[in-house]
Amino acid sequence: MTLVALNNMLRGAKEKKFAVGQFNINNLEFTQAIIEAAAEERSPVIFGVSEGALKYMGLEFTVALAKTAADNYAIPVALHLDHGSSFNVVLECIRAGFSSVMFDGSHHPLAENIALTKKIVEVAHIMGVSVEGELGTIGGTEDDLSVTEEDAAFAKPEEAVRFWEETRVDALALAVGTAHGVYKGEPRIRFDIIAEVAGKIEAPIVLHGGSGVPDESIRKAISHGVGKVNVNTENQIASTETIRKILAAKPDLIDPRKYLGPGRDAIKDVVKTKIRLFGSHNQA
């Protein structure tokens, strides 16, 4: 299939009580593992690309990888910019072939976040590209951006509803207690915020920082209106730990295929497990 927008992929997710996973692609092996897992589970899937990953792989290589994966498998695939920092970055990705973009204006005052996001929605929708917005401040570390626990701030339901009504984003990420990276303890998710906002807007809620969140909390969040869950750290850990074990056991090994391949398999196992947890298997 060709790359598709989020609004097509997530349609009905809230009503059917399932979520589609966003799994970040960082290289060829991540891309292969994610698409193979989704295809075997008959699940739609979202390729997430951070600005850091974009710099590492290059814009043209990133789009080519995603398009090749989508063209070779009969499941819906979205190529999604994760945490786009500016209008120019978002526009560059749209022009290059991304089917979905996220603009993270959460560090701006509400009115400015709304104005900037609305401008991006207007341009993106003309191009058939979906948009994810963000409200509140999600803690943790992603790429080189870190937000301390003290600086993280929950989204306010009344502001979230206003944000959606004025921007009409296709998906809305809310700061509800999750964080990017590795958790030091069990996250305390504000399910009440998810439920209140999801009940008043059409767009599904996005849960960032899905790695390491207990399964029961994920299921509960989805039952309250989460339609997209982001996972990256668990895939990175699974791949890296596998590679470290292989190289520790075989210090003379120099063929990257001999350790990157098993690392890819480890990612695939994680993705398949998450797809089943999110309930998106057999939804393609």
C-alpha atoms as a PDB file:
ATOM      1  CA  MET A   1       0.000   0.000   0.000  1.00  0.00           C
ATOM      2  CA  THR A   2       0.997   3.628  -0.245  1.00  0.00           C
ATOM      3  CA  LEU A   3       1.617   5.719   2.863  1.00  0.00           C
ATOM      4  CA  VAL A   4      -1.617   6.858   4.530  1.00  0.00           C
ATOM      5  CA  ALA A   5      -2.586   9.688   6.865  1.00  0.00           C
ATOM      6  CA  LEU A   6      -3.444   9.181  10.531  1.00  0.00           C
ATOM      7  CA  ASN A   7      -7.033  10.356  10.172  1.00  0.00           C
ATOM      8  CA  ASN A   8      -7.716   7.390   7.868  1.00  0.00           C
ATOM      9  CA  MET A   9      -5.807   4.921  10.012  1.00  0.00           C
ATOM     10  CA  LEU A  10      -7.254   5.964  13.366  1.00  0.00           C
ATOM     11  CA  ARG A  11     -10.849   6.321  12.242  1.00  0.00           C
ATOM     12  CA  GLY A  12     -12.965   4.146  14.503  1.00  0.00           C
ATOM     13  CA  ALA A  13     -10.170   3.444  16.986  1.00  0.00           C
ATOM     14  CA  LYS A  14     -11.911   5.241  19.862  1.00  0.00           C
ATOM     15  CA  GLU A  15     -15.207   3.491  19.218  1.00  0.00           C
ATOM     16  CA  LYS A  16     -13.645   0.062  18.804  1.00  0.00           C
ATOM     17  CA  LYS A  17     -11.363   0.596  21.826  1.00  0.00           C
ATOM     18  CA  PHE A  18      -8.037  -0.086  20.170  1.00  0.00           C
ATOM     19  CA  ALA A  19      -4.913   1.979  19.542  1.00  0.00           C
ATOM     20  CA  VAL A  20      -2.356   2.020  16.750  1.00  0.00           C
ATOM     21  CA  GLY A  21       1.278   1.897  17.763  1.00  0.00           C
ATOM     22  CA  GLN A  22       3.835   4.451  16.682  1.00  0.00           C
ATOM     23  CA  PHE A  23       7.227   2.784  16.616  1.00  0.00           C
ATOM     24  CA  ASN A  24      10.205   4.976  15.834  1.00  0.00           C
ATOM     25  CA  ILE A  25      12.477   4.025  12.962  1.00  0.00           C
ATOM     26  CA  ASN A  26      16.155   4.730  13.559  1.00  0.00           C
ATOM     27  CA  ASN A  27      17.755   2.678  10.789  1.00  0.00           C
ATOM     28  CA  LEU A  28      17.053  -0.105   8.284  1.00  0.00           C
ATOM     29  CA  GLU A  29      16.774  -2.823  10.928  1.00  0.00           C
ATOM     30  CA  PHE A  30      14.181  -0.916  12.960  1.00  0.00           C
ATOM     31  CA  THR A  31      12.131  -0.316   9.815  1.00  0.00           C
ATOM     32  CA  GLN A  32      12.252  -3.967   8.756  1.00  0.00           C
ATOM     33  CA  ALA A  33      11.385  -5.260  12.219  1.00  0.00           C
ATOM     34  CA  ILE A  34       8.411  -2.930  12.650  1.00  0.00           C
ATOM     35  CA  ILE A  35       6.842  -3.526   9.236  1.00  0.00           C
ATOM     36  CA  GLU A  36       7.307  -7.308   9.436  1.00  0.00           C
ATOM     37  CA  ALA A  37       5.738  -7.457  12.896  1.00  0.00           C
ATOM     38  CA  ALA A  38       2.769  -5.330  11.811  1.00  0.00           C
ATOM     39  CA  ALA A  39       2.243  -7.361   8.636  1.00  0.00           C
ATOM     40  CA  GLU A  40       2.261 -10.657  10.525  1.00  0.00           C
ATOM     41  CA  GLU A  41      -0.241  -9.260  13.036  1.00  0.00           C
ATOM     42  CA  ARG A  42      -2.386  -7.685  10.283  1.00  0.00           C
ATOM     43  CA  SER A  43      -2.145  -4.341  12.036  1.00  0.00           C
ATOM     44  CA  PRO A  44      -1.903  -0.760  10.819  1.00  0.00           C
ATOM     45  CA  VAL A  45       1.349   0.818  11.958  1.00  0.00           C
ATOM     46  CA  ILE A  46       2.943   4.245  12.326  1.00  0.00           C
ATOM     47  CA  PHE A  47       6.613   4.886  11.564  1.00  0.00           C
ATOM     48  CA  GLY A  48       7.689   7.640  13.951  1.00  0.00           C
ATOM     49  CA  VAL A  49      10.685   9.777  13.006  1.00  0.00           C
ATOM     50  CA  SER A  50      12.229  12.247  15.419  1.00  0.00           C
ATOM     51  CA  GLU A  51      14.262  15.196  14.182  1.00  0.00           C
ATOM     52  CA  GLY A  52      17.351  13.473  15.583  1.00  0.00           C
ATOM     53  CA  ALA A  53      16.665  10.331  13.578  1.00  0.00           C
ATOM     54  CA  LEU A  54      16.021  12.489  10.528  1.00  0.00           C
ATOM     55  CA  LYS A  55      19.455  14.068  10.858  1.00  0.00           C
ATOM     56  CA  TYR A  56      21.041  10.649  11.352  1.00  0.00           C
ATOM     57  CA  MET A  57      19.386   8.861   8.397  1.00  0.00           C
ATOM     58  CA  GLY A  58      18.803  11.815   6.095  1.00  0.00           C
ATOM     59  CA  LEU A  59      15.409  12.998   4.841  1.00  0.00           C
ATOM     60  CA  GLU A  60      15.495  11.255   1.453  1.00  0.00           C
ATOM     61  CA  PHE A  61      16.723   7.930   2.884  1.00  0.00           C
ATOM     62  CA  THR A  62      14.047   8.050   5.601  1.00  0.00           C
ATOM     63  CA  VAL A  63      11.201   8.597   3.132  1.00  0.00           C
ATOM     64  CA  ALA A  64      12.583   5.961   0.780  1.00  0.00           C
ATOM     65  CA  LEU A  65      12.754   3.370   3.565  1.00  0.00           C
ATOM     66  CA  ALA A  66       9.191   4.062   4.670  1.00  0.00           C
ATOM     67  CA  LYS A  67       7.757   4.102   1.151  1.00  0.00           C
ATOM     68  CA  THR A  68       9.504   0.848   0.260  1.00  0.00           C
ATOM     69  CA  ALA A  69       8.126  -0.813   3.373  1.00  0.00           C
ATOM     70  CA  ALA A  70       4.600   0.459   2.692  1.00  0.00           C
ATOM     71  CA  ASP A  71       4.714  -0.557  -0.981  1.00  0.00           C
ATOM     72  CA  ASN A  72       5.730  -4.121  -0.163  1.00  0.00           C
ATOM     73  CA  TYR A  73       3.125  -4.909   2.496  1.00  0.00           C
ATOM     74  CA  ALA A  74      -0.676  -4.833   2.274  1.00  0.00           C
ATOM     75  CA  ILE A  75      -1.275  -2.960   5.533  1.00  0.00           C
ATOM     76  CA  PRO A  76      -1.836   0.750   6.261  1.00  0.00           C
ATOM     77  CA  VAL A  77       1.445   2.526   7.085  1.00  0.00           C
ATOM     78  CA  ALA A  78       1.881   6.160   8.118  1.00  0.00           C
ATOM     79  CA  LEU A  79       5.175   8.041   8.059  1.00  0.00           C
ATOM     80  CA  HIS A  80       4.924  10.501  10.944  1.00  0.00           C
ATOM     81  CA  LEU A  81       7.212  13.320  12.053  1.00  0.00           C
ATOM     82  CA  ASP A  82       7.525  13.098  15.835  1.00  0.00           C
ATOM     83  CA  HIS A  83       7.813  16.338  17.819  1.00  0.00           C
ATOM     84  CA  GLY A  84       8.341  18.693  14.901  1.00  0.00           C
ATOM     85  CA  SER A  85       9.834  21.843  16.371  1.00  0.00           C
ATOM     86  CA  SER A  86       8.970  24.459  13.753  1.00  0.00           C
ATOM     87  CA  PHE A  87       6.784  25.284  10.765  1.00  0.00           C
ATOM     88  CA  ASN A  88       9.803  24.979   8.451  1.00  0.00           C
ATOM     89  CA  VAL A  89      10.720  21.480   9.652  1.00  0.00           C
ATOM     90  CA  VAL A  90       7.114  20.323   9.334  1.00  0.00           C
ATOM     91  CA  LEU A  91       6.761  21.803   5.851  1.00  0.00           C
ATOM     92  CA  GLU A  92      10.030  20.189   4.719  1.00  0.00           C
ATOM     93  CA  CYS A  93       8.770  16.771   5.809  1.00  0.00           C
ATOM     94  CA  ILE A  94       5.400  17.280   4.097  1.00  0.00           C
ATOM     95  CA  ARG A  95       7.129  18.220   0.856  1.00  0.00           C
ATOM     96  CA  ALA A  96       9.420  15.191   1.122  1.00  0.00           C
ATOM     97  CA  GLY A  97       6.523  12.727   1.366  1.00  0.00           C
ATOM     98  CA  PHE A  98       5.577  12.318   5.042  1.00  0.00           C
ATOM     99  CA  SER A  99       1.923  11.347   5.355  1.00  0.00           C
ATOM    100  CA  SER A 100       1.573  12.713   8.878  1.00  0.00           C
ATOM    101  CA  VAL A 101       3.305  15.310  11.040  1.00  0.00           C
ATOM    102  CA  MET A 102       3.337  16.342  14.658  1.00  0.00           C
ATOM    103  CA  PHE A 103       3.911  19.940  15.619  1.00  0.00           C
ATOM    104  CA  ASP A 104       4.954  20.260  19.249  1.00  0.00           C
ATOM    105  CA  GLY A 105       4.007  23.750  20.328  1.00  0.00           C
ATOM    106  CA  SER A 106       3.477  22.728  23.945  1.00  0.00           C
ATOM    107  CA  HIS A 107       6.277  25.008  25.173  1.00  0.00           C
ATOM    108  CA  HIS A 108       4.434  28.053  23.798  1.00  0.00           C
ATOM    109  CA  PRO A 109       1.585  29.879  25.582  1.00  0.00           C
ATOM    110  CA  LEU A 110      -1.793  28.341  24.712  1.00  0.00           C
ATOM    111  CA  ALA A 111      -2.890  31.048  22.268  1.00  0.00           C
ATOM    112  CA  GLU A 112       0.399  30.883  20.378  1.00  0.00           C
ATOM    113  CA  ASN A 113       0.350  27.069  20.322  1.00  0.00           C
ATOM    114  CA  ILE A 114      -3.154  27.192  18.860  1.00  0.00           C
ATOM    115  CA  ALA A 115      -2.219  29.782  16.225  1.00  0.00           C
ATOM    116  CA  LEU A 116       0.915  27.932  15.090  1.00  0.00           C
ATOM    117  CA  THR A 117      -0.775  24.528  15.060  1.00  0.00           C
ATOM    118  CA  LYS A 118      -3.806  25.880  13.186  1.00  0.00           C
ATOM    119  CA  LYS A 119      -1.520  27.273  10.474  1.00  0.00           C
ATOM    120  CA  ILE A 120       0.163  23.889  10.081  1.00  0.00           C
ATOM    121  CA  VAL A 121      -3.194  22.056   9.966  1.00  0.00           C
ATOM    122  CA  GLU A 122      -4.401  24.337   7.174  1.00  0.00           C
ATOM    123  CA  VAL A 123      -1.329  23.642   5.020  1.00  0.00           C
ATOM    124  CA  ALA A 124      -1.104  19.930   5.834  1.00  0.00           C
ATOM    125  CA  HIS A 125      -4.763  19.168   5.165  1.00  0.00           C
ATOM    126  CA  ILE A 126      -4.523  20.770   1.723  1.00  0.00           C
ATOM    127  CA  MET A 127      -1.756  18.229   1.002  1.00  0.00           C
ATOM    128  CA  GLY A 128      -3.744  15.306   2.451  1.00  0.00           C
ATOM    129  CA  VAL A 129      -1.397  15.072   5.447  1.00  0.00           C
ATOM    130  CA  SER A 130      -2.650  14.570   9.007  1.00  0.00           C
ATOM    131  CA  VAL A 131      -1.497  16.578  12.015  1.00  0.00           C
ATOM    132  CA  GLU A 132      -0.930  15.720  15.665  1.00  0.00           C
ATOM    133  CA  GLY A 133      -0.792  18.510  18.223  1.00  0.00           C
ATOM    134  CA  GLU A 134       0.380  18.542  21.819  1.00  0.00           C
ATOM    135  CA  LEU A 135      -0.786  20.156  25.027  1.00  0.00           C
ATOM    136  CA  GLY A 136       0.937  20.090  28.400  1.00  0.00           C
ATOM    137  CA  THR A 137       4.599  19.282  28.970  1.00  0.00           C
ATOM    138  CA  ILE A 138       5.670  15.635  28.727  1.00  0.00           C
ATOM    139  CA  GLY A 139       8.678  14.825  30.883  1.00  0.00           C
ATOM    140  CA  GLY A 140      11.749  12.704  30.169  1.00  0.00           C
ATOM    141  CA  THR A 141      14.370  12.723  27.423  1.00  0.00           C
ATOM    142  CA  GLU A 142      13.938  12.343  23.684  1.00  0.00           C
ATOM    143  CA  ASP A 143      16.941  12.933  21.392  1.00  0.00           C
ATOM    144  CA  ASP A 144      18.720  15.917  23.005  1.00  0.00           C
ATOM    145  CA  LEU A 145      15.623  17.440  24.605  1.00  0.00           C
ATOM    146  CA  SER A 146      15.103  16.831  28.322  1.00  0.00           C
ATOM    147  CA  VAL A 147      12.221  17.889  30.547  1.00  0.00           C
ATOM    148  CA  THR A 148      12.634  17.336  34.283  1.00  0.00           C
ATOM    149  CA  GLU A 149       9.893  15.876  36.441  1.00  0.00           C
ATOM    150  CA  GLU A 150       9.536  19.268  38.110  1.00  0.00           C
ATOM    151  CA  ASP A 151       8.993  21.025  34.764  1.00  0.00           C
ATOM    152  CA  ALA A 152       6.494  18.488  33.405  1.00  0.00           C
ATOM    153  CA  ALA A 153       2.919  19.796  33.495  1.00  0.00           C
ATOM    154  CA  PHE A 154      -0.424  18.045  33.059  1.00  0.00           C
ATOM    155  CA  ALA A 155      -2.700  19.175  30.254  1.00  0.00           C
ATOM    156  CA  LYS A 156      -5.798  21.055  31.388  1.00  0.00           C
ATOM    157  CA  PRO A 157      -9.000  19.488  29.974  1.00  0.00           C
ATOM    158  CA  GLU A 158     -10.716  22.791  29.218  1.00  0.00           C
ATOM    159  CA  GLU A 159      -7.646  24.017  27.332  1.00  0.00           C
ATOM    160  CA  ALA A 160      -7.360  20.722  25.444  1.00  0.00           C
ATOM    161  CA  VAL A 161     -10.957  20.962  24.243  1.00  0.00           C
ATOM    162  CA  ARG A 162     -10.439  24.567  23.158  1.00  0.00           C
ATOM    163  CA  PHE A 163      -7.194  23.591  21.411  1.00  0.00           C
ATOM    164  CA  TRP A 164      -8.937  20.898  19.361  1.00  0.00           C
ATOM    165  CA  GLU A 165     -11.978  23.026  18.549  1.00  0.00           C
ATOM    166  CA  GLU A 166      -9.771  25.817  17.164  1.00  0.00           C
ATOM    167  CA  THR A 167      -7.141  23.691  15.385  1.00  0.00           C
ATOM    168  CA  ARG A 168      -9.031  20.506  14.392  1.00  0.00           C
ATOM    169  CA  VAL A 169      -5.896  18.381  14.683  1.00  0.00           C
ATOM    170  CA  ASP A 170      -6.321  14.724  13.702  1.00  0.00           C
ATOM    171  CA  ALA A 171      -4.789  13.459  16.958  1.00  0.00           C
ATOM    172  CA  LEU A 172      -4.053  15.166  20.255  1.00  0.00           C
ATOM    173  CA  ALA A 173      -1.134  14.320  22.533  1.00  0.00           C
ATOM    174  CA  LEU A 174      -1.776  15.173  26.171  1.00  0.00           C
ATOM    175  CA  ALA A 175       0.622  15.303  29.091  1.00  0.00           C
ATOM    176  CA  VAL A 176      -1.099  12.912  31.508  1.00  0.00           C
ATOM    177  CA  GLY A 177       1.781  11.461  33.537  1.00  0.00           C
ATOM    178  CA  THR A 178       3.818   9.453  31.040  1.00  0.00           C
ATOM    179  CA  ALA A 179       7.363  10.407  30.052  1.00  0.00           C
ATOM    180  CA  HIS A 180       9.907   9.774  27.329  1.00  0.00           C
ATOM    181  CA  GLY A 181      12.754   7.369  28.113  1.00  0.00           C
ATOM    182  CA  VAL A 182      13.177   4.931  31.009  1.00  0.00           C
ATOM    183  CA  TYR A 183      10.894   5.271  34.057  1.00  0.00           C
ATOM    184  CA  LYS A 184      12.420   5.350  37.528  1.00  0.00           C
ATOM    185  CA  GLY A 185       9.138   4.146  39.012  1.00  0.00           C
ATOM    186  CA  GLU A 186       5.645   3.295  37.832  1.00  0.00           C
ATOM    187  CA  PRO A 187       4.047   6.259  36.039  1.00  0.00           C
ATOM    188  CA  ARG A 188       0.888   7.697  37.556  1.00  0.00           C
ATOM    189  CA  ILE A 189      -1.399   8.343  34.630  1.00  0.00           C
ATOM    190  CA  ARG A 190      -4.285  10.809  34.891  1.00  0.00           C
ATOM    191  CA  PHE A 191      -6.979   8.679  33.292  1.00  0.00           C
ATOM    192  CA  ASP A 192      -9.550  11.291  34.299  1.00  0.00           C
ATOM    193  CA  ILE A 193      -7.953  13.837  31.968  1.00  0.00           C
ATOM    194  CA  ILE A 194      -7.926  11.340  29.089  1.00  0.00           C
ATOM    195  CA  ALA A 195     -11.577  10.431  29.620  1.00  0.00           C
ATOM    196  CA  GLU A 196     -12.811  14.010  29.996  1.00  0.00           C
ATOM    197  CA  VAL A 197     -11.052  15.286  26.866  1.00  0.00           C
ATOM    198  CA  ALA A 198     -11.759  12.197  24.733  1.00  0.00           C
ATOM    199  CA  GLY A 199     -15.454  12.499  25.521  1.00  0.00           C
ATOM    200  CA  LYS A 200     -15.615  16.049  24.178  1.00  0.00           C
ATOM    201  CA  ILE A 201     -13.541  15.880  20.976  1.00  0.00           C
ATOM    202  CA  GLU A 202     -13.624  13.716  17.869  1.00  0.00           C
ATOM    203  CA  ALA A 203      -9.872  13.128  17.581  1.00  0.00           C
ATOM    204  CA  PRO A 204      -8.204  10.253  19.436  1.00  0.00           C
ATOM    205  CA  ILE A 205      -5.836  10.981  22.320  1.00  0.00           C
ATOM    206  CA  VAL A 206      -2.141  10.140  21.894  1.00  0.00           C
ATOM    207  CA  LEU A 207      -0.116   8.592  24.718  1.00  0.00           C
ATOM    208  CA  HIS A 208       3.561   9.474  24.455  1.00  0.00           C
ATOM    209  CA  GLY A 209       6.161   7.586  26.481  1.00  0.00           C
ATOM    210  CA  GLY A 210       4.439   4.214  26.123  1.00  0.00           C
ATOM    211  CA  SER A 211       7.606   2.213  26.822  1.00  0.00           C
ATOM    212  CA  GLY A 212       7.589   0.724  30.308  1.00  0.00           C
ATOM    213  CA  VAL A 213       3.987   1.616  31.145  1.00  0.00           C
ATOM    214  CA  PRO A 214       2.258  -1.389  32.797  1.00  0.00           C
ATOM    215  CA  ASP A 215      -0.010  -3.325  30.460  1.00  0.00           C
ATOM    216  CA  GLU A 216      -3.098  -2.726  32.573  1.00  0.00           C
ATOM    217  CA  SER A 217      -2.506   1.038  32.485  1.00  0.00           C
ATOM    218  CA  ILE A 218      -2.193   0.924  28.695  1.00  0.00           C
ATOM    219  CA  ARG A 219      -5.465  -1.008  28.397  1.00  0.00           C
ATOM    220  CA  LYS A 220      -7.218   1.434  30.716  1.00  0.00           C
ATOM    221  CA  ALA A 221      -5.921   4.445  28.778  1.00  0.00           C
ATOM    222  CA  ILE A 222      -7.169   2.938  25.516  1.00  0.00           C
ATOM    223  CA  SER A 223     -10.586   2.224  27.054  1.00  0.00           C
ATOM    224  CA  HIS A 224     -10.806   5.928  27.968  1.00  0.00           C
ATOM    225  CA  GLY A 225     -10.045   7.219  24.449  1.00  0.00           C
ATOM    226  CA  VAL A 226      -6.368   6.791  23.604  1.00  0.00           C
ATOM    227  CA  GLY A 227      -6.076   5.788  19.938  1.00  0.00           C
ATOM    228  CA  LYS A 228      -2.313   6.080  19.399  1.00  0.00           C
ATOM    229  CA  VAL A 229       0.521   4.926  21.648  1.00  0.00           C
ATOM    230  CA  ASN A 230       4.172   5.828  21.067  1.00  0.00           C
ATOM    231  CA  VAL A 231       6.904   3.271  21.742  1.00  0.00           C
ATOM    232  CA  ASN A 232      10.631   3.651  21.130  1.00  0.00           C
ATOM    233  CA  THR A 233      12.738   3.072  24.236  1.00  0.00           C
ATOM    234  CA  GLU A 234      11.722  -0.575  24.673  1.00  0.00           C
ATOM    235  CA  ASN A 235      12.767  -1.323  21.103  1.00  0.00           C
ATOM    236  CA  GLN A 236      16.098   0.402  21.624  1.00  0.00           C
ATOM    237  CA  ILE A 237      16.729  -1.535  24.834  1.00  0.00           C
ATOM    238  CA  ALA A 238      15.773  -4.899  23.297  1.00  0.00           C
ATOM    239  CA  SER A 239      18.010  -4.393  20.283  1.00  0.00           C
ATOM    240  CA  THR A 240      20.983  -3.025  22.216  1.00  0.00           C
ATOM    241  CA  GLU A 241      20.890  -5.704  24.915  1.00  0.00           C
ATOM    242  CA  THR A 242      20.801  -8.440  22.266  1.00  0.00           C
ATOM    243  CA  ILE A 243      23.740  -6.951  20.384  1.00  0.00           C
ATOM    244  CA  ARG A 244      25.770  -6.514  23.584  1.00  0.00           C
ATOM    245  CA  LYS A 245      25.258 -10.169  24.535  1.00  0.00           C
ATOM    246  CA  ILE A 246      26.361 -11.383  21.114  1.00  0.00           C
ATOM    247  CA  LEU A 247      29.483  -9.206  21.018  1.00  0.00           C
ATOM    248  CA  ALA A 248      30.376 -10.139  24.603  1.00  0.00           C
ATOM    249  CA  ALA A 249      30.163 -13.836  23.706  1.00  0.00           C
ATOM    250  CA  LYS A 250      31.994 -13.380  20.391  1.00  0.00           C
ATOM    251  CA  PRO A 251      34.468 -10.501  20.758  1.00  0.00           C
ATOM    252  CA  ASP A 252      36.112 -11.318  17.421  1.00  0.00           C
ATOM    253  CA  LEU A 253      32.856 -10.987  15.466  1.00  0.00           C
ATOM    254  CA  ILE A 254      33.080  -8.232  12.836  1.00  0.00           C
ATOM    255  CA  ASP A 255      30.203  -9.000  10.444  1.00  0.00           C
ATOM    256  CA  PRO A 256      27.458  -6.508  11.404  1.00  0.00           C
ATOM    257  CA  ARG A 257      24.781  -8.755   9.917  1.00  0.00           C
ATOM    258  CA  LYS A 258      25.543 -11.333  12.595  1.00  0.00           C
ATOM    259  CA  TYR A 259      24.526  -8.989  15.420  1.00  0.00           C
ATOM    260  CA  LEU A 260      22.231  -6.456  13.741  1.00  0.00           C
ATOM    261  CA  GLY A 261      20.010  -9.292  12.489  1.00  0.00           C
ATOM    262  CA  PRO A 262      19.341 -10.694  15.967  1.00  0.00           C
ATOM    263  CA  GLY A 263      18.882  -7.129  17.216  1.00  0.00           C
ATOM    264  CA  ARG A 264      16.234  -6.688  14.544  1.00  0.00           C
ATOM    265  CA  ASP A 265      14.498  -9.885  15.681  1.00  0.00           C
ATOM    266  CA  ALA A 266      14.401  -8.571  19.255  1.00  0.00           C
ATOM    267  CA  ILE A 267      12.658  -5.391  18.088  1.00  0.00           C
ATOM    268  CA  LYS A 268      10.157  -7.445  16.104  1.00  0.00           C
ATOM    269  CA  ASP A 269       9.213  -9.436  19.204  1.00  0.00           C
ATOM    270  CA  VAL A 270       8.577  -6.239  21.178  1.00  0.00           C
ATOM    271  CA  VAL A 271       6.457  -4.714  18.412  1.00  0.00           C
ATOM    272  CA  LYS A 272       4.296  -7.817  18.028  1.00  0.00           C
ATOM    273  CA  THR A 273       3.676  -7.890  21.779  1.00  0.00           C
ATOM    274  CA  LYS A 274       2.702  -4.203  21.799  1.00  0.00           C
ATOM    275  CA  ILE A 275       0.370  -4.583  18.825  1.00  0.00           C
ATOM    276  CA  ARG A 276      -1.543  -7.300  20.648  1.00  0.00           C
ATOM    277  CA  LEU A 277      -1.629  -5.184  23.806  1.00  0.00           C
ATOM    278  CA  PHE A 278      -2.987  -2.184  21.885  1.00  0.00           C
ATOM    279  CA  GLY A 279      -5.676  -4.359  20.259  1.00  0.00           C
ATOM    280  CA  SER A 280      -4.747  -3.327  16.690  1.00  0.00           C
ATOM    281  CA  HIS A 281      -4.060  -6.859  15.445  1.00  0.00           C
ATOM    282  CA  ASN A 282      -6.433  -7.887  12.653  1.00  0.00           C
ATOM    283  CA  GLN A 283      -7.505  -4.248  12.229  1.00  0.00           C
ATOM    284  CA  ALA A 284      -5.639  -3.729   8.929  1.00  0.00           C
END
